[in-house]
Amino acid sequence: MFIVGEFIPEGRKFNTFTLVLKDHEPGAIMAELKARTRLLIRYDSILGDSYVYDSDSWRDRRP
């Protein structure tokens, strides 16, 4: 999906995973996933700055 040295334009979005649900209530599954999953992404900008996206810290900031 990503190539070392490749530059990704600002604002570009990617699907990180897809769920196919059969015979399950989507709302209940999403609530469970939000409580039990974590997405951690480390990346460097074109200027060499390093960043980390951690879904746990985003979740902790929500009311």
PDB file of N, CA and C in Angstrom:
ATOM      1  N   MET A   1       0.823  -1.188   0.000  1.00  0.00           N
ATOM      2  CA  MET A   1       0.000   0.000   0.000  1.00  0.00           C
ATOM      3  C   MET A   1       0.869   1.256   0.000  1.00  0.00           C
ATOM      4  N   PHE A   2       1.890   1.276   0.817  1.00  0.00           N
ATOM      5  CA  PHE A   2       2.776   2.433   0.896  1.00  0.00           C
ATOM      6  C   PHE A   2       4.186   2.011   0.509  1.00  0.00           C
ATOM      7  N   ILE A   3       4.893   2.899  -0.143  1.00  0.00           N
ATOM      8  CA  ILE A   3       6.251   2.624  -0.590  1.00  0.00           C
ATOM      9  C   ILE A   3       7.199   3.557   0.149  1.00  0.00           C
ATOM     10  N   VAL A   4       8.295   3.008   0.678  1.00  0.00           N
ATOM     11  CA  VAL A   4       9.279   3.827   1.375  1.00  0.00           C
ATOM     12  C   VAL A   4       9.777   4.904   0.410  1.00  0.00           C
ATOM     13  N   GLY A   5       9.786   6.142   0.883  1.00  0.00           N
ATOM     14  CA  GLY A   5      10.232   7.259   0.056  1.00  0.00           C
ATOM     15  C   GLY A   5       9.125   7.897  -0.763  1.00  0.00           C
ATOM     16  N   GLU A   6       7.962   7.273  -0.796  1.00  0.00           N
ATOM     17  CA  GLU A   6       6.824   7.836  -1.532  1.00  0.00           C
ATOM     18  C   GLU A   6       6.205   8.968  -0.719  1.00  0.00           C
ATOM     19  N   PHE A   7       5.784  10.020  -1.396  1.00  0.00           N
ATOM     20  CA  PHE A   7       5.140  11.142  -0.720  1.00  0.00           C
ATOM     21  C   PHE A   7       3.636  11.061  -0.924  1.00  0.00           C
ATOM     22  N   ILE A   8       2.895  11.291   0.140  1.00  0.00           N
ATOM     23  CA  ILE A   8       1.441  11.238   0.104  1.00  0.00           C
ATOM     24  C   ILE A   8       0.925  12.665   0.215  1.00  0.00           C
ATOM     25  N   PRO A   9       0.070  13.096  -0.713  1.00  0.00           N
ATOM     26  CA  PRO A   9      -0.440  14.468  -0.663  1.00  0.00           C
ATOM     27  C   PRO A   9      -1.222  14.756   0.623  1.00  0.00           C
ATOM     28  N   GLU A  10      -1.134  15.987   1.076  1.00  0.00           N
ATOM     29  CA  GLU A  10      -1.884  16.414   2.256  1.00  0.00           C
ATOM     30  C   GLU A  10      -3.371  16.200   2.012  1.00  0.00           C
ATOM     31  N   GLY A  11      -4.057  15.695   3.028  1.00  0.00           N
ATOM     32  CA  GLY A  11      -5.499  15.505   2.942  1.00  0.00           C
ATOM     33  C   GLY A  11      -5.940  14.200   2.300  1.00  0.00           C
ATOM     34  N   ARG A  12      -5.016  13.435   1.780  1.00  0.00           N
ATOM     35  CA  ARG A  12      -5.397  12.164   1.164  1.00  0.00           C
ATOM     36  C   ARG A  12      -5.833  11.191   2.252  1.00  0.00           C
ATOM     37  N   LYS A  13      -6.878  10.441   1.985  1.00  0.00           N
ATOM     38  CA  LYS A  13      -7.413   9.502   2.971  1.00  0.00           C
ATOM     39  C   LYS A  13      -7.263   8.079   2.466  1.00  0.00           C
ATOM     40  N   PHE A  14      -7.105   7.147   3.409  1.00  0.00           N
ATOM     41  CA  PHE A  14      -6.948   5.736   3.102  1.00  0.00           C
ATOM     42  C   PHE A  14      -7.890   4.920   3.973  1.00  0.00           C
ATOM     43  N   ASN A  15      -8.445   3.873   3.421  1.00  0.00           N
ATOM     44  CA  ASN A  15      -9.159   2.892   4.228  1.00  0.00           C
ATOM     45  C   ASN A  15      -8.121   1.969   4.838  1.00  0.00           C
ATOM     46  N   THR A  16      -8.174   1.810   6.148  1.00  0.00           N
ATOM     47  CA  THR A  16      -7.211   0.938   6.807  1.00  0.00           C
ATOM     48  C   THR A  16      -7.748  -0.481   6.970  1.00  0.00           C
ATOM     49  N   PHE A  17      -9.063  -0.617   6.993  1.00  0.00           N
ATOM     50  CA  PHE A  17      -9.667  -1.944   7.026  1.00  0.00           C
ATOM     51  C   PHE A  17     -11.136  -1.834   6.641  1.00  0.00           C
ATOM     52  N   THR A  18     -11.703  -2.954   6.249  1.00  0.00           N
ATOM     53  CA  THR A  18     -13.109  -3.019   5.876  1.00  0.00           C
ATOM     54  C   THR A  18     -13.741  -4.186   6.611  1.00  0.00           C
ATOM     55  N   LEU A  19     -14.906  -3.960   7.175  1.00  0.00           N
ATOM     56  CA  LEU A  19     -15.645  -5.023   7.862  1.00  0.00           C
ATOM     57  C   LEU A  19     -16.880  -5.382   7.047  1.00  0.00           C
ATOM     58  N   VAL A  20     -17.112  -6.661   6.897  1.00  0.00           N
ATOM     59  CA  VAL A  20     -18.328  -7.138   6.251  1.00  0.00           C
ATOM     60  C   VAL A  20     -19.123  -7.857   7.326  1.00  0.00           C
ATOM     61  N   LEU A  21     -20.305  -7.330   7.638  1.00  0.00           N
ATOM     62  CA  LEU A  21     -21.121  -7.883   8.713  1.00  0.00           C
ATOM     63  C   LEU A  21     -22.329  -8.608   8.140  1.00  0.00           C
ATOM     64  N   LYS A  22     -22.556  -9.808   8.624  1.00  0.00           N
ATOM     65  CA  LYS A  22     -23.750 -10.554   8.246  1.00  0.00           C
ATOM     66  C   LYS A  22     -24.485 -10.923   9.518  1.00  0.00           C
ATOM     67  N   ASP A  23     -25.755 -10.609   9.545  1.00  0.00           N
ATOM     68  CA  ASP A  23     -26.611 -10.984  10.682  1.00  0.00           C
ATOM     69  C   ASP A  23     -26.131 -10.408  12.010  1.00  0.00           C
ATOM     70  N   HIS A  24     -25.527  -9.217  11.981  1.00  0.00           N
ATOM     71  CA  HIS A  24     -25.109  -8.535  13.199  1.00  0.00           C
ATOM     72  C   HIS A  24     -25.562  -7.088  13.122  1.00  0.00           C
ATOM     73  N   GLU A  25     -25.832  -6.512  14.249  1.00  0.00           N
ATOM     74  CA  GLU A  25     -26.231  -5.112  14.335  1.00  0.00           C
ATOM     75  C   GLU A  25     -24.983  -4.239  14.208  1.00  0.00           C
ATOM     76  N   PRO A  26     -24.851  -3.419  13.149  1.00  0.00           N
ATOM     77  CA  PRO A  26     -23.645  -2.608  12.952  1.00  0.00           C
ATOM     78  C   PRO A  26     -23.314  -1.701  14.138  1.00  0.00           C
ATOM     79  N   GLY A  27     -24.299  -1.094  14.767  1.00  0.00           N
ATOM     80  CA  GLY A  27     -24.047  -0.203  15.897  1.00  0.00           C
ATOM     81  C   GLY A  27     -23.363  -0.917  17.056  1.00  0.00           C
ATOM     82  N   ALA A  28     -23.811  -2.128  17.353  1.00  0.00           N
ATOM     83  CA  ALA A  28     -23.218  -2.900  18.454  1.00  0.00           C
ATOM     84  C   ALA A  28     -21.786  -3.303  18.122  1.00  0.00           C
ATOM     85  N   ILE A  29     -21.549  -3.686  16.879  1.00  0.00           N
ATOM     86  CA  ILE A  29     -20.198  -4.064  16.462  1.00  0.00           C
ATOM     87  C   ILE A  29     -19.265  -2.858  16.521  1.00  0.00           C
ATOM     88  N   MET A  30     -19.715  -1.701  16.047  1.00  0.00           N
ATOM     89  CA  MET A  30     -18.882  -0.500  16.071  1.00  0.00           C
ATOM     90  C   MET A  30     -18.550  -0.085  17.501  1.00  0.00           C
ATOM     91  N   ALA A  31     -19.501  -0.174  18.402  1.00  0.00           N
ATOM     92  CA  ALA A  31     -19.251   0.165  19.808  1.00  0.00           C
ATOM     93  C   ALA A  31     -18.182  -0.759  20.390  1.00  0.00           C
ATOM     94  N   GLU A  32     -18.260  -2.043  20.065  1.00  0.00           N
ATOM     95  CA  GLU A  32     -17.268  -3.008  20.546  1.00  0.00           C
ATOM     96  C   GLU A  32     -15.888  -2.718  19.958  1.00  0.00           C
ATOM     97  N   LEU A  33     -15.837  -2.417  18.672  1.00  0.00           N
ATOM     98  CA  LEU A  33     -14.562  -2.122  18.028  1.00  0.00           C
ATOM     99  C   LEU A  33     -13.905  -0.876  18.610  1.00  0.00           C
ATOM    100  N   LYS A  34     -14.695   0.163  18.854  1.00  0.00           N
ATOM    101  CA  LYS A  34     -14.135   1.394  19.417  1.00  0.00           C
ATOM    102  C   LYS A  34     -13.523   1.152  20.787  1.00  0.00           C
ATOM    103  N   ALA A  35     -14.096   0.236  21.538  1.00  0.00           N
ATOM    104  CA  ALA A  35     -13.586  -0.054  22.881  1.00  0.00           C
ATOM    105  C   ALA A  35     -12.386  -1.001  22.860  1.00  0.00           C
ATOM    106  N   ARG A  36     -12.263  -1.838  21.804  1.00  0.00           N
ATOM    107  CA  ARG A  36     -11.260  -2.903  21.840  1.00  0.00           C
ATOM    108  C   ARG A  36     -10.149  -2.804  20.807  1.00  0.00           C
ATOM    109  N   THR A  37     -10.183  -1.798  19.948  1.00  0.00           N
ATOM    110  CA  THR A  37      -9.143  -1.707  18.919  1.00  0.00           C
ATOM    111  C   THR A  37      -8.331  -0.428  19.082  1.00  0.00           C
ATOM    112  N   ARG A  38      -7.137  -0.455  18.511  1.00  0.00           N
ATOM    113  CA  ARG A  38      -6.248   0.701  18.562  1.00  0.00           C
ATOM    114  C   ARG A  38      -5.532   0.817  17.216  1.00  0.00           C
ATOM    115  N   LEU A  39      -5.447   2.029  16.706  1.00  0.00           N
ATOM    116  CA  LEU A  39      -4.707   2.293  15.484  1.00  0.00           C
ATOM    117  C   LEU A  39      -3.537   3.195  15.839  1.00  0.00           C
ATOM    118  N   LEU A  40      -2.329   2.726  15.542  1.00  0.00           N
ATOM    119  CA  LEU A  40      -1.115   3.471  15.849  1.00  0.00           C
ATOM    120  C   LEU A  40      -0.327   3.623  14.549  1.00  0.00           C
ATOM    121  N   ILE A  41      -0.117   4.880  14.124  1.00  0.00           N
ATOM    122  CA  ILE A  41       0.595   5.154  12.883  1.00  0.00           C
ATOM    123  C   ILE A  41       1.735   6.114  13.184  1.00  0.00           C
ATOM    124  N   ARG A  42       2.941   5.731  12.777  1.00  0.00           N
ATOM    125  CA  ARG A  42       4.113   6.607  12.885  1.00  0.00           C
ATOM    126  C   ARG A  42       4.478   7.031  11.470  1.00  0.00           C
ATOM    127  N   TYR A  43       4.698   8.315  11.275  1.00  0.00           N
ATOM    128  CA  TYR A  43       5.030   8.790   9.932  1.00  0.00           C
ATOM    129  C   TYR A  43       5.904  10.028   9.991  1.00  0.00           C
ATOM    130  N   ASP A  44       6.614  10.283   8.895  1.00  0.00           N
ATOM    131  CA  ASP A  44       7.501  11.439   8.767  1.00  0.00           C
ATOM    132  C   ASP A  44       6.990  12.337   7.662  1.00  0.00           C
ATOM    133  N   SER A  45       7.055  13.644   7.898  1.00  0.00           N
ATOM    134  CA  SER A  45       6.636  14.607   6.883  1.00  0.00           C
ATOM    135  C   SER A  45       7.730  14.770   5.837  1.00  0.00           C
ATOM    136  N   ILE A  46       7.392  15.414   4.749  1.00  0.00           N
ATOM    137  CA  ILE A  46       8.360  15.692   3.693  1.00  0.00           C
ATOM    138  C   ILE A  46       9.501  16.571   4.212  1.00  0.00           C
ATOM    139  N   LEU A  47       9.243  17.311   5.297  1.00  0.00           N
ATOM    140  CA  LEU A  47      10.260  18.173   5.902  1.00  0.00           C
ATOM    141  C   LEU A  47      11.100  17.441   6.947  1.00  0.00           C
ATOM    142  N   GLY A  48      10.780  16.170   7.179  1.00  0.00           N
ATOM    143  CA  GLY A  48      11.556  15.385   8.136  1.00  0.00           C
ATOM    144  C   GLY A  48      10.998  15.377   9.545  1.00  0.00           C
ATOM    145  N   ASP A  49       9.847  16.026   9.774  1.00  0.00           N
ATOM    146  CA  ASP A  49       9.230  16.005  11.102  1.00  0.00           C
ATOM    147  C   ASP A  49       8.538  14.656  11.313  1.00  0.00           C
ATOM    148  N   SER A  50       8.669  14.099  12.506  1.00  0.00           N
ATOM    149  CA  SER A  50       8.038  12.825  12.833  1.00  0.00           C
ATOM    150  C   SER A  50       6.739  13.053  13.589  1.00  0.00           C
ATOM    151  N   TYR A  51       5.742  12.239  13.287  1.00  0.00           N
ATOM    152  CA  TYR A  51       4.425  12.333  13.921  1.00  0.00           C
ATOM    153  C   TYR A  51       3.941  10.946  14.296  1.00  0.00           C
ATOM    154  N   VAL A  52       3.031  10.908  15.265  1.00  0.00           N
ATOM    155  CA  VAL A  52       2.392   9.661  15.659  1.00  0.00           C
ATOM    156  C   VAL A  52       0.897   9.928  15.786  1.00  0.00           C
ATOM    157  N   TYR A  53       0.095   9.090  15.140  1.00  0.00           N
ATOM    158  CA  TYR A  53      -1.356   9.119  15.353  1.00  0.00           C
ATOM    159  C   TYR A  53      -1.682   7.915  16.223  1.00  0.00           C
ATOM    160  N   ASP A  54      -2.314   8.155  17.345  1.00  0.00           N
ATOM    161  CA  ASP A  54      -2.700   7.093  18.269  1.00  0.00           C
ATOM    162  C   ASP A  54      -4.185   7.245  18.562  1.00  0.00           C
ATOM    163  N   SER A  55      -4.997   6.311  18.103  1.00  0.00           N
ATOM    164  CA  SER A  55      -6.439   6.416  18.296  1.00  0.00           C
ATOM    165  C   SER A  55      -6.824   6.402  19.770  1.00  0.00           C
ATOM    166  N   ASP A  56      -5.989   5.820  20.638  1.00  0.00           N
ATOM    167  CA  ASP A  56      -6.298   5.843  22.069  1.00  0.00           C
ATOM    168  C   ASP A  56      -6.258   7.266  22.615  1.00  0.00           C
ATOM    169  N   SER A  57      -5.292   8.064  22.204  1.00  0.00           N
ATOM    170  CA  SER A  57      -5.225   9.445  22.707  1.00  0.00           C
ATOM    171  C   SER A  57      -6.372  10.278  22.139  1.00  0.00           C
ATOM    172  N   TRP A  58      -6.796   9.994  20.894  1.00  0.00           N
ATOM    173  CA  TRP A  58      -7.959  10.686  20.312  1.00  0.00           C
ATOM    174  C   TRP A  58      -9.215  10.317  21.093  1.00  0.00           C
ATOM    175  N   ARG A  59      -9.358   9.039  21.414  1.00  0.00           N
ATOM    176  CA  ARG A  59     -10.535   8.557  22.133  1.00  0.00           C
ATOM    177  C   ARG A  59     -10.592   9.173  23.535  1.00  0.00           C
ATOM    178  N   ASP A  60      -9.413   9.344  24.182  1.00  0.00           N
ATOM    179  CA  ASP A  60      -9.374   9.911  25.534  1.00  0.00           C
ATOM    180  C   ASP A  60      -9.801  11.369  25.561  1.00  0.00           C
ATOM    181  N   ARG A  61      -9.636  12.093  24.434  1.00  0.00           N
ATOM    182  CA  ARG A  61     -10.013  13.511  24.384  1.00  0.00           C
ATOM    183  C   ARG A  61     -11.494  13.733  24.148  1.00  0.00           C
ATOM    184  N   ARG A  62     -12.206  12.715  23.709  1.00  0.00           N
ATOM    185  CA  ARG A  62     -13.629  12.861  23.416  1.00  0.00           C
ATOM    186  C   ARG A  62     -14.421  12.908  24.721  1.00  0.00           C
ATOM    187  N   PRO A  63     -15.491  13.698  24.741  1.00  0.00           N
ATOM    188  CA  PRO A  63     -16.304  13.786  25.974  1.00  0.00           C
ATOM    189  C   PRO A  63     -17.031  12.499  26.282  1.00  0.00           C
TER     190      PRO A  63
END
